[in-house]
């Protein structure tokens, strides 16, 4: 067995879908409320508010799912659990050991 985490270990598909669903639910409800879904409007306006909210929820779901998936492709699984014991934004000291092997 290896100690290296896989991409699947970094974020499980259920977590990815759950986060995208939560963002979509938030976007859909906010869109529907802003368009007046809970106000005393004619039925046609309320139906339009919910349909635009559903469209916004679908778009948000796809965008968040695609965005998170692309961000996960950038992460190197070998470096995901590496401890960093120095400031990240400062340049590496030449006298210290280099964490990355030469290529």
PDB file of N, CA and C in Angstrom:
ATOM      1  N   UNK A   1       0.839  -1.182   0.000  1.00  0.00           N
ATOM      2  CA  UNK A   1       0.000   0.000   0.000  1.00  0.00           C
ATOM      3  C   UNK A   1       0.882   1.244   0.000  1.00  0.00           C
ATOM      4  N   UNK A   2       0.393   2.276  -0.633  1.00  0.00           N
ATOM      5  CA  UNK A   2       1.165   3.516  -0.697  1.00  0.00           C
ATOM      6  C   UNK A   2       0.551   4.563   0.213  1.00  0.00           C
ATOM      7  N   UNK A   3       1.380   5.519   0.588  1.00  0.00           N
ATOM      8  CA  UNK A   3       0.905   6.625   1.414  1.00  0.00           C
ATOM      9  C   UNK A   3       0.372   7.782   0.587  1.00  0.00           C
ATOM     10  N   UNK A   4       0.566   7.716  -0.714  1.00  0.00           N
ATOM     11  CA  UNK A   4       0.164   8.828  -1.570  1.00  0.00           C
ATOM     12  C   UNK A   4      -1.361   8.875  -1.685  1.00  0.00           C
ATOM     13  N   UNK A   5      -1.961  10.052  -1.422  1.00  0.00           N
ATOM     14  CA  UNK A   5      -3.412  10.157  -1.616  1.00  0.00           C
ATOM     15  C   UNK A   5      -3.739  10.269  -3.101  1.00  0.00           C
ATOM     16  N   UNK A   6      -4.829   9.689  -3.488  1.00  0.00           N
ATOM     17  CA  UNK A   6      -5.253   9.788  -4.876  1.00  0.00           C
ATOM     18  C   UNK A   6      -6.140  11.015  -5.038  1.00  0.00           C
ATOM     19  N   UNK A   7      -6.438  11.344  -6.265  1.00  0.00           N
ATOM     20  CA  UNK A   7      -7.345  12.469  -6.515  1.00  0.00           C
ATOM     21  C   UNK A   7      -8.721  12.190  -5.909  1.00  0.00           C
ATOM     22  N   UNK A   8      -9.103  10.936  -5.927  1.00  0.00           N
ATOM     23  CA  UNK A   8     -10.400  10.572  -5.368  1.00  0.00           C
ATOM     24  C   UNK A   8     -10.424  10.789  -3.857  1.00  0.00           C
ATOM     25  N   UNK A   9      -9.269  10.588  -3.197  1.00  0.00           N
ATOM     26  CA  UNK A   9      -9.191  10.829  -1.759  1.00  0.00           C
ATOM     27  C   UNK A   9      -9.232  12.307  -1.432  1.00  0.00           C
ATOM     28  N   UNK A  10      -8.746  13.152  -2.342  1.00  0.00           N
ATOM     29  CA  UNK A  10      -8.719  14.587  -2.065  1.00  0.00           C
ATOM     30  C   UNK A  10     -10.133  15.149  -1.911  1.00  0.00           C
ATOM     31  N   UNK A  11     -11.004  14.791  -2.801  1.00  0.00           N
ATOM     32  CA  UNK A  11     -12.402  15.194  -2.666  1.00  0.00           C
ATOM     33  C   UNK A  11     -13.262  14.123  -3.311  1.00  0.00           C
ATOM     34  N   UNK A  12     -14.025  13.476  -2.505  1.00  0.00           N
ATOM     35  CA  UNK A  12     -14.869  12.391  -2.991  1.00  0.00           C
ATOM     36  C   UNK A  12     -15.982  12.961  -3.877  1.00  0.00           C
ATOM     37  N   UNK A  13     -16.481  12.167  -4.829  1.00  0.00           N
ATOM     38  CA  UNK A  13     -17.519  12.660  -5.728  1.00  0.00           C
ATOM     39  C   UNK A  13     -18.787  13.115  -4.997  1.00  0.00           C
ATOM     40  N   UNK A  14     -19.126  12.456  -3.897  1.00  0.00           N
ATOM     41  CA  UNK A  14     -20.321  12.877  -3.152  1.00  0.00           C
ATOM     42  C   UNK A  14     -20.125  14.263  -2.547  1.00  0.00           C
ATOM     43  N   UNK A  15     -18.930  14.553  -2.081  1.00  0.00           N
ATOM     44  CA  UNK A  15     -18.647  15.882  -1.538  1.00  0.00           C
ATOM     45  C   UNK A  15     -18.683  16.928  -2.641  1.00  0.00           C
ATOM     46  N   UNK A  16     -18.134  16.592  -3.789  1.00  0.00           N
ATOM     47  CA  UNK A  16     -18.133  17.511  -4.917  1.00  0.00           C
ATOM     48  C   UNK A  16     -19.552  17.817  -5.375  1.00  0.00           C
ATOM     49  N   UNK A  17     -20.365  16.781  -5.501  1.00  0.00           N
ATOM     50  CA  UNK A  17     -21.758  16.988  -5.917  1.00  0.00           C
ATOM     51  C   UNK A  17     -22.560  17.709  -4.836  1.00  0.00           C
ATOM     52  N   UNK A  18     -22.289  17.402  -3.572  1.00  0.00           N
ATOM     53  CA  UNK A  18     -22.998  18.075  -2.480  1.00  0.00           C
ATOM     54  C   UNK A  18     -22.701  19.558  -2.424  1.00  0.00           C
ATOM     55  N   UNK A  19     -21.440  19.918  -2.615  1.00  0.00           N
ATOM     56  CA  UNK A  19     -21.076  21.331  -2.611  1.00  0.00           C
ATOM     57  C   UNK A  19     -21.713  22.059  -3.793  1.00  0.00           C
ATOM     58  N   UNK A  20     -21.706  21.436  -4.967  1.00  0.00           N
ATOM     59  CA  UNK A  20     -22.324  22.043  -6.147  1.00  0.00           C
ATOM     60  C   UNK A  20     -23.837  22.160  -5.968  1.00  0.00           C
ATOM     61  N   UNK A  21     -24.459  21.144  -5.353  1.00  0.00           N
ATOM     62  CA  UNK A  21     -25.900  21.204  -5.109  1.00  0.00           C
ATOM     63  C   UNK A  21     -26.243  22.313  -4.118  1.00  0.00           C
ATOM     64  N   UNK A  22     -25.429  22.470  -3.079  1.00  0.00           N
ATOM     65  CA  UNK A  22     -25.668  23.544  -2.105  1.00  0.00           C
ATOM     66  C   UNK A  22     -25.555  24.927  -2.736  1.00  0.00           C
ATOM     67  N   UNK A  23     -24.558  25.108  -3.584  1.00  0.00           N
ATOM     68  CA  UNK A  23     -24.395  26.396  -4.273  1.00  0.00           C
ATOM     69  C   UNK A  23     -25.555  26.641  -5.235  1.00  0.00           C
ATOM     70  N   UNK A  24     -26.016  25.590  -5.905  1.00  0.00           N
ATOM     71  CA  UNK A  24     -27.140  25.730  -6.830  1.00  0.00           C
ATOM     72  C   UNK A  24     -28.430  26.055  -6.086  1.00  0.00           C
ATOM     73  N   UNK A  25     -28.648  25.407  -4.955  1.00  0.00           N
ATOM     74  CA  UNK A  25     -29.831  25.683  -4.154  1.00  0.00           C
ATOM     75  C   UNK A  25     -29.838  27.128  -3.674  1.00  0.00           C
ATOM     76  N   UNK A  26     -28.680  27.592  -3.213  1.00  0.00           N
ATOM     77  CA  UNK A  26     -28.563  28.977  -2.769  1.00  0.00           C
ATOM     78  C   UNK A  26     -28.842  29.953  -3.920  1.00  0.00           C
ATOM     79  N   UNK A  27     -28.250  29.712  -5.073  1.00  0.00           N
ATOM     80  CA  UNK A  27     -28.446  30.602  -6.216  1.00  0.00           C
ATOM     81  C   UNK A  27     -29.899  30.601  -6.685  1.00  0.00           C
ATOM     82  N   UNK A  28     -30.534  29.434  -6.702  1.00  0.00           N
ATOM     83  CA  UNK A  28     -31.924  29.357  -7.145  1.00  0.00           C
ATOM     84  C   UNK A  28     -32.875  30.061  -6.205  1.00  0.00           C
ATOM     85  N   UNK A  29     -32.688  29.873  -4.906  1.00  0.00           N
ATOM     86  CA  UNK A  29     -33.581  30.518  -3.933  1.00  0.00           C
ATOM     87  C   UNK A  29     -33.379  32.027  -3.928  1.00  0.00           C
ATOM     88  N   UNK A  30     -32.138  32.470  -3.983  1.00  0.00           N
ATOM     89  CA  UNK A  30     -31.870  33.912  -3.995  1.00  0.00           C
ATOM     90  C   UNK A  30     -32.457  34.554  -5.248  1.00  0.00           C
ATOM     91  N   UNK A  31     -32.337  33.894  -6.388  1.00  0.00           N
ATOM     92  CA  UNK A  31     -32.896  34.432  -7.629  1.00  0.00           C
ATOM     93  C   UNK A  31     -34.418  34.484  -7.560  1.00  0.00           C
ATOM     94  N   UNK A  32     -35.038  33.438  -7.062  1.00  0.00           N
ATOM     95  CA  UNK A  32     -36.501  33.415  -6.973  1.00  0.00           C
ATOM     96  C   UNK A  32     -37.021  34.460  -5.995  1.00  0.00           C
ATOM     97  N   UNK A  33     -36.345  34.613  -4.868  1.00  0.00           N
ATOM     98  CA  UNK A  33     -36.787  35.598  -3.877  1.00  0.00           C
ATOM     99  C   UNK A  33     -36.621  37.015  -4.414  1.00  0.00           C
ATOM    100  N   UNK A  34     -35.522  37.260  -5.118  1.00  0.00           N
ATOM    101  CA  UNK A  34     -35.317  38.613  -5.648  1.00  0.00           C
ATOM    102  C   UNK A  34     -36.302  38.954  -6.751  1.00  0.00           C
ATOM    103  N   UNK A  35     -36.776  37.953  -7.461  1.00  0.00           N
ATOM    104  CA  UNK A  35     -37.757  38.226  -8.505  1.00  0.00           C
ATOM    105  C   UNK A  35     -39.179  38.284  -7.958  1.00  0.00           C
ATOM    106  N   UNK A  36     -39.356  38.053  -6.670  1.00  0.00           N
ATOM    107  CA  UNK A  36     -40.665  38.221  -6.059  1.00  0.00           C
ATOM    108  C   UNK A  36     -41.497  36.963  -5.986  1.00  0.00           C
ATOM    109  N   UNK A  37     -40.887  35.817  -5.753  1.00  0.00           N
ATOM    110  CA  UNK A  37     -41.623  34.555  -5.701  1.00  0.00           C
ATOM    111  C   UNK A  37     -42.543  34.480  -4.483  1.00  0.00           C
ATOM    112  N   UNK A  38     -42.234  35.209  -3.419  1.00  0.00           N
ATOM    113  CA  UNK A  38     -43.048  35.151  -2.197  1.00  0.00           C
ATOM    114  C   UNK A  38     -43.862  36.417  -1.980  1.00  0.00           C
ATOM    115  N   UNK A  39     -44.031  37.209  -3.011  1.00  0.00           N
ATOM    116  CA  UNK A  39     -44.836  38.424  -2.898  1.00  0.00           C
ATOM    117  C   UNK A  39     -46.234  38.183  -3.457  1.00  0.00           C
ATOM    118  N   UNK A  40     -47.110  39.117  -3.181  1.00  0.00           N
ATOM    119  CA  UNK A  40     -48.483  39.008  -3.677  1.00  0.00           C
ATOM    120  C   UNK A  40     -48.519  39.523  -5.115  1.00  0.00           C
ATOM    121  N   UNK A  41     -48.096  38.679  -6.035  1.00  0.00           N
ATOM    122  CA  UNK A  41     -48.066  39.007  -7.463  1.00  0.00           C
ATOM    123  C   UNK A  41     -48.995  38.056  -8.201  1.00  0.00           C
ATOM    124  N   UNK A  42     -49.312  38.365  -9.434  1.00  0.00           N
ATOM    125  CA  UNK A  42     -50.109  37.410 -10.223  1.00  0.00           C
ATOM    126  C   UNK A  42     -49.371  36.078 -10.381  1.00  0.00           C
ATOM    127  N   UNK A  43     -50.123  35.029 -10.606  1.00  0.00           N
ATOM    128  CA  UNK A  43     -49.541  33.686 -10.704  1.00  0.00           C
ATOM    129  C   UNK A  43     -48.512  33.557 -11.813  1.00  0.00           C
ATOM    130  N   UNK A  44     -48.693  34.298 -12.878  1.00  0.00           N
ATOM    131  CA  UNK A  44     -47.740  34.252 -13.990  1.00  0.00           C
ATOM    132  C   UNK A  44     -46.366  34.779 -13.574  1.00  0.00           C
ATOM    133  N   UNK A  45     -46.344  35.844 -12.769  1.00  0.00           N
ATOM    134  CA  UNK A  45     -45.069  36.421 -12.316  1.00  0.00           C
ATOM    135  C   UNK A  45     -44.362  35.493 -11.319  1.00  0.00           C
ATOM    136  N   UNK A  46     -45.138  34.830 -10.479  1.00  0.00           N
ATOM    137  CA  UNK A  46     -44.538  33.901  -9.518  1.00  0.00           C
ATOM    138  C   UNK A  46     -43.957  32.685 -10.243  1.00  0.00           C
ATOM    139  N   UNK A  47     -44.676  32.175 -11.243  1.00  0.00           N
ATOM    140  CA  UNK A  47     -44.176  31.049 -12.030  1.00  0.00           C
ATOM    141  C   UNK A  47     -42.907  31.438 -12.785  1.00  0.00           C
ATOM    142  N   UNK A  48     -42.865  32.646 -13.291  1.00  0.00           N
ATOM    143  CA  UNK A  48     -41.675  33.118 -13.990  1.00  0.00           C
ATOM    144  C   UNK A  48     -40.492  33.230 -13.025  1.00  0.00           C
ATOM    145  N   UNK A  49     -40.744  33.693 -11.798  1.00  0.00           N
ATOM    146  CA  UNK A  49     -39.676  33.817 -10.804  1.00  0.00           C
ATOM    147  C   UNK A  49     -39.087  32.453 -10.474  1.00  0.00           C
ATOM    148  N   UNK A  50     -39.942  31.445 -10.300  1.00  0.00           N
ATOM    149  CA  UNK A  50     -39.440  30.109  -9.982  1.00  0.00           C
ATOM    150  C   UNK A  50     -38.728  29.468 -11.170  1.00  0.00           C
ATOM    151  N   UNK A  51     -39.195  29.734 -12.383  1.00  0.00           N
ATOM    152  CA  UNK A  51     -38.519  29.149 -13.545  1.00  0.00           C
ATOM    153  C   UNK A  51     -37.146  29.786 -13.769  1.00  0.00           C
ATOM    154  N   UNK A  52     -37.043  31.106 -13.571  1.00  0.00           N
ATOM    155  CA  UNK A  52     -35.734  31.753 -13.687  1.00  0.00           C
ATOM    156  C   UNK A  52     -34.824  31.293 -12.547  1.00  0.00           C
ATOM    157  N   UNK A  53     -35.393  31.071 -11.367  1.00  0.00           N
ATOM    158  CA  UNK A  53     -34.610  30.538 -10.251  1.00  0.00           C
ATOM    159  C   UNK A  53     -34.079  29.144 -10.543  1.00  0.00           C
ATOM    160  N   UNK A  54     -34.897  28.313 -11.193  1.00  0.00           N
ATOM    161  CA  UNK A  54     -34.447  26.969 -11.561  1.00  0.00           C
ATOM    162  C   UNK A  54     -33.339  27.024 -12.612  1.00  0.00           C
ATOM    163  N   UNK A  55     -33.454  27.950 -13.544  1.00  0.00           N
ATOM    164  CA  UNK A  55     -32.401  28.112 -14.550  1.00  0.00           C
ATOM    165  C   UNK A  55     -31.107  28.579 -13.890  1.00  0.00           C
ATOM    166  N   UNK A  56     -31.207  29.532 -12.977  1.00  0.00           N
ATOM    167  CA  UNK A  56     -30.019  30.017 -12.262  1.00  0.00           C
ATOM    168  C   UNK A  56     -29.403  28.903 -11.428  1.00  0.00           C
ATOM    169  N   UNK A  57     -30.232  28.058 -10.822  1.00  0.00           N
ATOM    170  CA  UNK A  57     -29.720  26.942 -10.033  1.00  0.00           C
ATOM    171  C   UNK A  57     -28.982  25.940 -10.925  1.00  0.00           C
ATOM    172  N   UNK A  58     -29.522  25.659 -12.085  1.00  0.00           N
ATOM    173  CA  UNK A  58     -28.863  24.738 -13.013  1.00  0.00           C
ATOM    174  C   UNK A  58     -27.530  25.272 -13.505  1.00  0.00           C
ATOM    175  N   UNK A  59     -27.506  26.544 -13.836  1.00  0.00           N
ATOM    176  CA  UNK A  59     -26.252  27.151 -14.287  1.00  0.00           C
ATOM    177  C   UNK A  59     -25.225  27.153 -13.164  1.00  0.00           C
ATOM    178  N   UNK A  60     -25.651  27.495 -11.962  1.00  0.00           N
ATOM    179  CA  UNK A  60     -24.724  27.516 -10.820  1.00  0.00           C
ATOM    180  C   UNK A  60     -24.198  26.109 -10.530  1.00  0.00           C
ATOM    181  N   UNK A  61     -25.054  25.107 -10.628  1.00  0.00           N
ATOM    182  CA  UNK A  61     -24.626  23.726 -10.386  1.00  0.00           C
ATOM    183  C   UNK A  61     -23.531  23.317 -11.361  1.00  0.00           C
ATOM    184  N   UNK A  62     -23.747  23.596 -12.634  1.00  0.00           N
ATOM    185  CA  UNK A  62     -22.775  23.199 -13.651  1.00  0.00           C
ATOM    186  C   UNK A  62     -21.476  23.980 -13.509  1.00  0.00           C
ATOM    187  N   UNK A  63     -21.572  25.275 -13.251  1.00  0.00           N
ATOM    188  CA  UNK A  63     -20.369  26.106 -13.136  1.00  0.00           C
ATOM    189  C   UNK A  63     -19.539  25.700 -11.919  1.00  0.00           C
ATOM    190  N   UNK A  64     -20.185  25.482 -10.779  1.00  0.00           N
ATOM    191  CA  UNK A  64     -19.447  25.096  -9.572  1.00  0.00           C
ATOM    192  C   UNK A  64     -18.847  23.702  -9.734  1.00  0.00           C
ATOM    193  N   UNK A  65     -19.595  22.780 -10.295  1.00  0.00           N
ATOM    194  CA  UNK A  65     -19.083  21.426 -10.504  1.00  0.00           C
ATOM    195  C   UNK A  65     -17.888  21.426 -11.450  1.00  0.00           C
ATOM    196  N   UNK A  66     -17.988  22.144 -12.536  1.00  0.00           N
ATOM    197  CA  UNK A  66     -16.894  22.218 -13.497  1.00  0.00           C
ATOM    198  C   UNK A  66     -15.692  22.951 -12.916  1.00  0.00           C
ATOM    199  N   UNK A  67     -15.948  24.045 -12.204  1.00  0.00           N
ATOM    200  CA  UNK A  67     -14.853  24.807 -11.609  1.00  0.00           C
ATOM    201  C   UNK A  67     -14.088  24.013 -10.566  1.00  0.00           C
ATOM    202  N   UNK A  68     -14.792  23.344  -9.673  1.00  0.00           N
ATOM    203  CA  UNK A  68     -14.119  22.532  -8.660  1.00  0.00           C
ATOM    204  C   UNK A  68     -13.373  21.355  -9.281  1.00  0.00           C
ATOM    205  N   UNK A  69     -13.942  20.766 -10.310  1.00  0.00           N
ATOM    206  CA  UNK A  69     -13.264  19.655 -10.975  1.00  0.00           C
ATOM    207  C   UNK A  69     -11.973  20.120 -11.634  1.00  0.00           C
ATOM    208  N   UNK A  70     -12.000  21.281 -12.252  1.00  0.00           N
ATOM    209  CA  UNK A  70     -10.781  21.817 -12.872  1.00  0.00           C
ATOM    210  C   UNK A  70      -9.737  22.175 -11.813  1.00  0.00           C
ATOM    211  N   UNK A  71     -10.176  22.700 -10.692  1.00  0.00           N
ATOM    212  CA  UNK A  71      -9.228  23.022  -9.622  1.00  0.00           C
ATOM    213  C   UNK A  71      -8.610  21.762  -9.022  1.00  0.00           C
ATOM    214  N   UNK A  72      -9.368  20.682  -8.954  1.00  0.00           N
ATOM    215  CA  UNK A  72      -8.824  19.427  -8.436  1.00  0.00           C
ATOM    216  C   UNK A  72      -7.790  18.814  -9.379  1.00  0.00           C
ATOM    217  N   UNK A  73      -7.918  19.091 -10.670  1.00  0.00           N
ATOM    218  CA  UNK A  73      -6.932  18.580 -11.615  1.00  0.00           C
ATOM    219  C   UNK A  73      -5.580  19.274 -11.454  1.00  0.00           C
ATOM    220  N   UNK A  74      -5.570  20.464 -10.890  1.00  0.00           N
ATOM    221  CA  UNK A  74      -4.326  21.209 -10.710  1.00  0.00           C
ATOM    222  C   UNK A  74      -3.516  20.672  -9.539  1.00  0.00           C
ATOM    223  N   UNK A  75      -4.197  20.122  -8.537  1.00  0.00           N
ATOM    224  CA  UNK A  75      -3.523  19.664  -7.323  1.00  0.00           C
ATOM    225  C   UNK A  75      -2.755  18.381  -7.609  1.00  0.00           C
ATOM    226  N   UNK A  76      -1.493  18.372  -7.213  1.00  0.00           N
ATOM    227  CA  UNK A  76      -0.681  17.166  -7.331  1.00  0.00           C
ATOM    228  C   UNK A  76      -0.958  16.297  -6.105  1.00  0.00           C
ATOM    229  N   UNK A  77      -1.469  15.093  -6.273  1.00  0.00           N
ATOM    230  CA  UNK A  77      -1.818  14.272  -5.110  1.00  0.00           C
ATOM    231  C   UNK A  77      -0.626  13.966  -4.203  1.00  0.00           C
ATOM    232  N   UNK A  78       0.569  13.930  -4.750  1.00  0.00           N
ATOM    233  CA  UNK A  78       1.740  13.631  -3.928  1.00  0.00           C
ATOM    234  C   UNK A  78       2.060  14.765  -2.963  1.00  0.00           C
ATOM    235  N   UNK A  79       1.727  15.990  -3.349  1.00  0.00           N
ATOM    236  CA  UNK A  79       2.029  17.150  -2.514  1.00  0.00           C
ATOM    237  C   UNK A  79       0.833  17.607  -1.677  1.00  0.00           C
ATOM    238  N   UNK A  80      -0.265  16.889  -1.727  1.00  0.00           N
ATOM    239  CA  UNK A  80      -1.475  17.345  -1.048  1.00  0.00           C
ATOM    240  C   UNK A  80      -1.345  17.305   0.467  1.00  0.00           C
ATOM    241  N   UNK A  81      -0.649  16.314   0.988  1.00  0.00           N
ATOM    242  CA  UNK A  81      -0.548  16.175   2.448  1.00  0.00           C
ATOM    243  C   UNK A  81       0.853  16.460   2.965  1.00  0.00           C
ATOM    244  N   UNK A  82       1.660  17.137   2.170  1.00  0.00           N
ATOM    245  CA  UNK A  82       3.020  17.469   2.602  1.00  0.00           C
ATOM    246  C   UNK A  82       2.955  18.617   3.606  1.00  0.00           C
ATOM    247  N   UNK A  83       3.688  18.467   4.703  1.00  0.00           N
ATOM    248  CA  UNK A  83       3.729  19.517   5.716  1.00  0.00           C
ATOM    249  C   UNK A  83       4.625  20.654   5.238  1.00  0.00           C
ATOM    250  N   UNK A  84       4.158  21.876   5.437  1.00  0.00           N
ATOM    251  CA  UNK A  84       4.941  23.057   5.081  1.00  0.00           C
ATOM    252  C   UNK A  84       5.352  23.719   6.384  1.00  0.00           C
ATOM    253  N   UNK A  85       6.669  23.770   6.634  1.00  0.00           N
ATOM    254  CA  UNK A  85       7.146  24.314   7.902  1.00  0.00           C
ATOM    255  C   UNK A  85       7.893  25.632   7.726  1.00  0.00           C
ATOM    256  N   UNK A  86       7.605  26.316   6.646  1.00  0.00           N
ATOM    257  CA  UNK A  86       8.212  27.629   6.411  1.00  0.00           C
ATOM    258  C   UNK A  86       7.148  28.548   5.809  1.00  0.00           C
ATOM    259  N   UNK A  87       7.381  29.861   5.822  1.00  0.00           N
ATOM    260  CA  UNK A  87       6.422  30.761   5.187  1.00  0.00           C
ATOM    261  C   UNK A  87       6.312  30.459   3.688  1.00  0.00           C
ATOM    262  N   UNK A  88       5.103  30.425   3.201  1.00  0.00           N
ATOM    263  CA  UNK A  88       4.874  29.995   1.830  1.00  0.00           C
ATOM    264  C   UNK A  88       5.279  31.065   0.821  1.00  0.00           C
ATOM    265  N   UNK A  89       5.063  32.327   1.132  1.00  0.00           N
ATOM    266  CA  UNK A  89       5.307  33.386   0.162  1.00  0.00           C
ATOM    267  C   UNK A  89       6.754  33.856   0.111  1.00  0.00           C
ATOM    268  N   UNK A  90       7.582  33.441   1.065  1.00  0.00           N
ATOM    269  CA  UNK A  90       8.985  33.826   1.038  1.00  0.00           C
ATOM    270  C   UNK A  90       9.757  32.891   0.116  1.00  0.00           C
ATOM    271  N   UNK A  91      10.813  33.407  -0.531  1.00  0.00           N
ATOM    272  CA  UNK A  91      11.591  32.520  -1.414  1.00  0.00           C
ATOM    273  C   UNK A  91      12.320  31.460  -0.610  1.00  0.00           C
ATOM    274  N   UNK A  92      12.613  30.342  -1.272  1.00  0.00           N
ATOM    275  CA  UNK A  92      13.330  29.253  -0.610  1.00  0.00           C
ATOM    276  C   UNK A  92      14.765  29.687  -0.318  1.00  0.00           C
ATOM    277  N   UNK A  93      15.279  29.288   0.824  1.00  0.00           N
ATOM    278  CA  UNK A  93      16.654  29.577   1.196  1.00  0.00           C
ATOM    279  C   UNK A  93      17.565  28.607   0.450  1.00  0.00           C
ATOM    280  N   UNK A  94      18.646  29.105  -0.127  1.00  0.00           N
ATOM    281  CA  UNK A  94      19.548  28.253  -0.903  1.00  0.00           C
ATOM    282  C   UNK A  94      20.265  27.237  -0.036  1.00  0.00           C
ATOM    283  N   UNK A  95      20.519  27.570   1.236  1.00  0.00           N
ATOM    284  CA  UNK A  95      21.247  26.652   2.108  1.00  0.00           C
ATOM    285  C   UNK A  95      20.365  25.517   2.628  1.00  0.00           C
ATOM    286  N   UNK A  96      19.049  25.705   2.604  1.00  0.00           N
ATOM    287  CA  UNK A  96      18.139  24.670   3.100  1.00  0.00           C
ATOM    288  C   UNK A  96      17.969  23.577   2.057  1.00  0.00           C
ATOM    289  N   UNK A  97      17.517  22.418   2.528  1.00  0.00           N
ATOM    290  CA  UNK A  97      17.276  21.315   1.606  1.00  0.00           C
ATOM    291  C   UNK A  97      16.108  21.650   0.701  1.00  0.00           C
ATOM    292  N   UNK A  98      16.219  21.222  -0.521  1.00  0.00           N
ATOM    293  CA  UNK A  98      15.147  21.441  -1.483  1.00  0.00           C
ATOM    294  C   UNK A  98      14.169  20.280  -1.367  1.00  0.00           C
ATOM    295  N   UNK A  99      12.867  20.596  -1.205  1.00  0.00           N
ATOM    296  CA  UNK A  99      11.851  19.546  -1.048  1.00  0.00           C
ATOM    297  C   UNK A  99      11.592  18.794  -2.343  1.00  0.00           C
ATOM    298  N   UNK A 100      11.746  19.472  -3.471  1.00  0.00           N
ATOM    299  CA  UNK A 100      11.475  18.835  -4.744  1.00  0.00           C
ATOM    300  C   UNK A 100      12.755  18.203  -5.277  1.00  0.00           C
ATOM    301  N   UNK A 101      12.680  16.951  -5.711  1.00  0.00           N
ATOM    302  CA  UNK A 101      13.874  16.331  -6.293  1.00  0.00           C
ATOM    303  C   UNK A 101      14.184  16.953  -7.653  1.00  0.00           C
ATOM    304  N   UNK A 102      15.440  17.004  -8.040  1.00  0.00           N
ATOM    305  CA  UNK A 102      15.786  17.570  -9.352  1.00  0.00           C
ATOM    306  C   UNK A 102      15.227  16.688 -10.462  1.00  0.00           C
ATOM    307  N   UNK A 103      14.878  17.310 -11.558  1.00  0.00           N
ATOM    308  CA  UNK A 103      14.286  16.577 -12.689  1.00  0.00           C
ATOM    309  C   UNK A 103      15.173  16.635 -13.888  1.00  0.00           C
TER     310      UNK A 103
END
